[in-house]
N, C-alpha and C. Protein backbone atom coordinates (compact mmCIF):
# COMPACT_ATOMS: atom_id res chain seq x y z
N MET A 1 -2.66 4.55 11.29
CA MET A 1 -1.78 4.78 10.38
C MET A 1 -0.47 5.23 11.54
N LYS A 2 -0.87 5.78 12.76
CA LYS A 2 0.16 6.21 13.73
C LYS A 2 0.86 4.83 14.16
N GLU A 3 0.16 3.86 14.24
CA GLU A 3 0.97 2.46 14.86
C GLU A 3 1.75 2.24 13.87
N LEU A 4 1.58 2.20 12.37
CA LEU A 4 2.44 1.76 11.59
C LEU A 4 3.60 2.85 11.36
N ILE A 5 3.41 4.07 11.49
CA ILE A 5 4.55 4.92 11.59
C ILE A 5 5.53 4.92 12.72
N ASP A 6 4.87 4.40 13.92
CA ASP A 6 5.66 4.27 14.97
C ASP A 6 6.34 3.07 14.83
N ARG A 7 5.91 1.90 14.35
CA ARG A 7 6.68 0.71 14.04
C ARG A 7 7.81 0.90 13.00
N LEU A 8 7.62 1.68 12.08
CA LEU A 8 8.79 2.10 11.07
C LEU A 8 9.97 2.82 11.80
N LYS A 9 9.30 3.72 12.68
CA LYS A 9 10.38 4.48 13.27
C LYS A 9 11.19 3.64 14.39
N ALA A 10 10.46 2.59 14.84
CA ALA A 10 11.08 1.92 15.78
C ALA A 10 12.16 0.97 15.32
N GLU A 11 12.13 0.75 13.97
CA GLU A 11 13.04 -0.08 13.02
C GLU A 11 14.13 0.98 12.56
N GLY A 12 14.06 2.21 12.97
CA GLY A 12 15.30 3.22 12.69
C GLY A 12 15.03 4.07 11.52
N LEU A 13 13.77 4.17 10.94
CA LEU A 13 13.35 5.29 10.05
C LEU A 13 13.07 6.44 10.75
N THR A 14 13.27 7.78 10.03
CA THR A 14 12.70 8.86 10.64
C THR A 14 11.23 9.04 10.24
N GLU A 15 10.49 10.10 10.87
CA GLU A 15 9.16 10.20 10.61
C GLU A 15 9.05 10.46 9.13
N GLN A 16 9.74 11.36 8.33
CA GLN A 16 9.73 11.55 7.10
C GLN A 16 9.91 10.32 6.33
N GLN A 17 10.89 9.59 6.63
CA GLN A 17 11.12 8.29 5.92
C GLN A 17 10.15 7.43 6.05
N ALA A 18 9.35 7.37 7.08
CA ALA A 18 8.25 6.52 7.40
C ALA A 18 7.07 6.86 6.36
N TYR A 19 6.71 8.09 6.49
CA TYR A 19 5.72 8.57 5.60
C TYR A 19 5.98 8.30 4.19
N LYS A 20 7.28 8.61 3.78
CA LYS A 20 7.60 8.21 2.29
C LYS A 20 7.49 6.70 2.01
N ALA A 21 7.79 5.80 3.15
CA ALA A 21 7.67 4.48 2.83
C ALA A 21 6.28 3.97 2.50
N ILE A 22 5.32 4.59 3.38
CA ILE A 22 3.94 4.33 3.24
C ILE A 22 3.26 4.97 1.84
N GLU A 23 3.94 6.08 1.53
CA GLU A 23 3.44 6.53 0.21
C GLU A 23 3.86 5.54 -1.03
N ILE A 24 4.99 5.22 -0.85
CA ILE A 24 5.61 4.10 -2.00
C ILE A 24 4.88 2.96 -1.83
N ILE A 25 4.38 2.36 -0.72
CA ILE A 25 3.64 1.25 -0.70
C ILE A 25 2.31 1.52 -1.20
N LYS A 26 1.57 2.61 -0.89
CA LYS A 26 0.33 3.01 -1.59
C LYS A 26 0.23 2.99 -3.14
N ASN A 27 1.60 3.71 -3.59
CA ASN A 27 1.51 3.66 -4.97
C ASN A 27 1.94 2.45 -5.55
N PHE A 28 2.56 1.49 -5.15
CA PHE A 28 2.68 0.09 -5.46
C PHE A 28 1.62 -0.65 -5.68
N ALA A 29 0.75 -0.55 -4.53
CA ALA A 29 -0.58 -1.34 -4.57
C ALA A 29 -1.53 -0.79 -5.49
N ARG A 30 -1.60 0.62 -5.81
CA ARG A 30 -2.42 1.11 -6.69
C ARG A 30 -1.97 0.73 -8.10
N GLU A 31 -0.62 0.56 -8.36
CA GLU A 31 -0.29 -0.08 -9.71
C GLU A 31 -0.47 -1.45 -9.90
N LYS A 32 -0.40 -2.40 -8.87
CA LYS A 32 -0.56 -3.61 -8.84
C LYS A 32 -2.02 -4.00 -8.96
N PHE A 33 -2.96 -3.22 -8.31
CA PHE A 33 -4.33 -3.52 -8.23
C PHE A 33 -5.03 -2.13 -8.75
N PRO A 34 -5.12 -1.96 -9.99
CA PRO A 34 -5.62 -0.76 -10.41
C PRO A 34 -7.15 -0.52 -10.26
N LEU A 35 -7.75 -1.72 -10.08
CA LEU A 35 -9.29 -1.95 -9.98
C LEU A 35 -9.65 -1.42 -8.63
N PHE A 36 -8.79 -1.54 -7.72
CA PHE A 36 -9.12 -1.29 -6.39
C PHE A 36 -8.47 0.14 -6.04
N GLY A 37 -7.81 0.97 -6.99
CA GLY A 37 -6.96 2.28 -6.59
C GLY A 37 -8.10 3.15 -5.92
N GLY A 38 -9.30 3.35 -6.09
CA GLY A 38 -10.05 4.24 -5.19
C GLY A 38 -10.12 3.91 -3.78
N ALA A 39 -10.29 2.35 -3.65
CA ALA A 39 -10.41 1.86 -2.23
C ALA A 39 -9.08 1.98 -1.57
N ILE A 40 -7.79 1.97 -2.36
CA ILE A 40 -6.70 2.07 -1.61
C ILE A 40 -6.47 3.47 -1.32
N ASP A 41 -6.78 4.48 -2.21
CA ASP A 41 -6.61 5.78 -1.89
C ASP A 41 -7.44 6.10 -0.68
N LYS A 42 -8.71 5.73 -0.69
CA LYS A 42 -9.44 5.97 0.72
C LYS A 42 -8.90 5.37 2.00
N LEU A 43 -8.55 4.27 1.90
CA LEU A 43 -7.90 3.73 2.99
C LEU A 43 -6.67 4.57 3.44
N PHE A 44 -5.72 4.76 2.50
CA PHE A 44 -4.39 5.45 3.04
C PHE A 44 -4.79 7.01 3.35
N ASP A 45 -5.54 7.39 2.55
CA ASP A 45 -5.78 9.12 2.69
C ASP A 45 -6.74 9.05 4.22
N LYS A 46 -7.36 8.18 4.60
CA LYS A 46 -8.11 8.33 5.99
C LYS A 46 -7.09 8.26 7.09
N TYR A 47 -6.05 7.65 6.76
CA TYR A 47 -5.03 7.49 8.08
C TYR A 47 -3.77 8.13 7.77
N SER A 48 -3.68 9.05 6.59
CA SER A 48 -2.43 9.50 6.38
C SER A 48 -2.38 10.94 7.18
N LYS A 49 -1.05 11.30 7.14
CA LYS A 49 -0.62 12.71 7.83
C LYS A 49 -1.45 13.91 6.88
N LYS A 50 -2.13 14.51 7.65
CA LYS A 50 -2.65 15.78 6.85
C LYS A 50 -1.95 17.03 6.90
N ASP A 51 -2.10 17.84 6.11
CA ASP A 51 -1.13 18.86 5.96
C ASP A 51 -1.40 19.88 7.12
N GLU A 52 -2.62 20.10 7.57
CA GLU A 52 -2.86 20.91 8.44
C GLU A 52 -2.33 20.34 9.99
N ASP A 53 -1.96 19.03 10.01
CA ASP A 53 -1.17 18.52 11.20
C ASP A 53 0.03 18.99 11.44
N ASP A 54 0.56 19.55 10.39
CA ASP A 54 2.04 20.18 10.38
C ASP A 54 1.91 21.75 10.84
N PHE A 55 2.47 21.83 12.19
CA PHE A 55 2.39 23.35 12.72
C PHE A 55 3.47 23.96 12.25
N MET A 56 4.56 23.47 11.60
CA MET A 56 5.59 24.25 10.88
C MET A 56 5.38 24.41 9.43
N PRO A 57 5.55 25.71 8.89
CA PRO A 57 5.35 26.11 7.56
C PRO A 57 6.43 25.31 6.72
């Protein structure tokens, strides 16, 4: 996921915008392929930014 975030940032997005873009893509994929919703969640959650990664409250 870091590689994808880095690519999005290289295209001019901020880190927050990159994470939001990925969240939108995840939700889109879940809507279009509801049968694979669990697998999509696992894939994105495995590589997503964790709340504990944020050192600022």
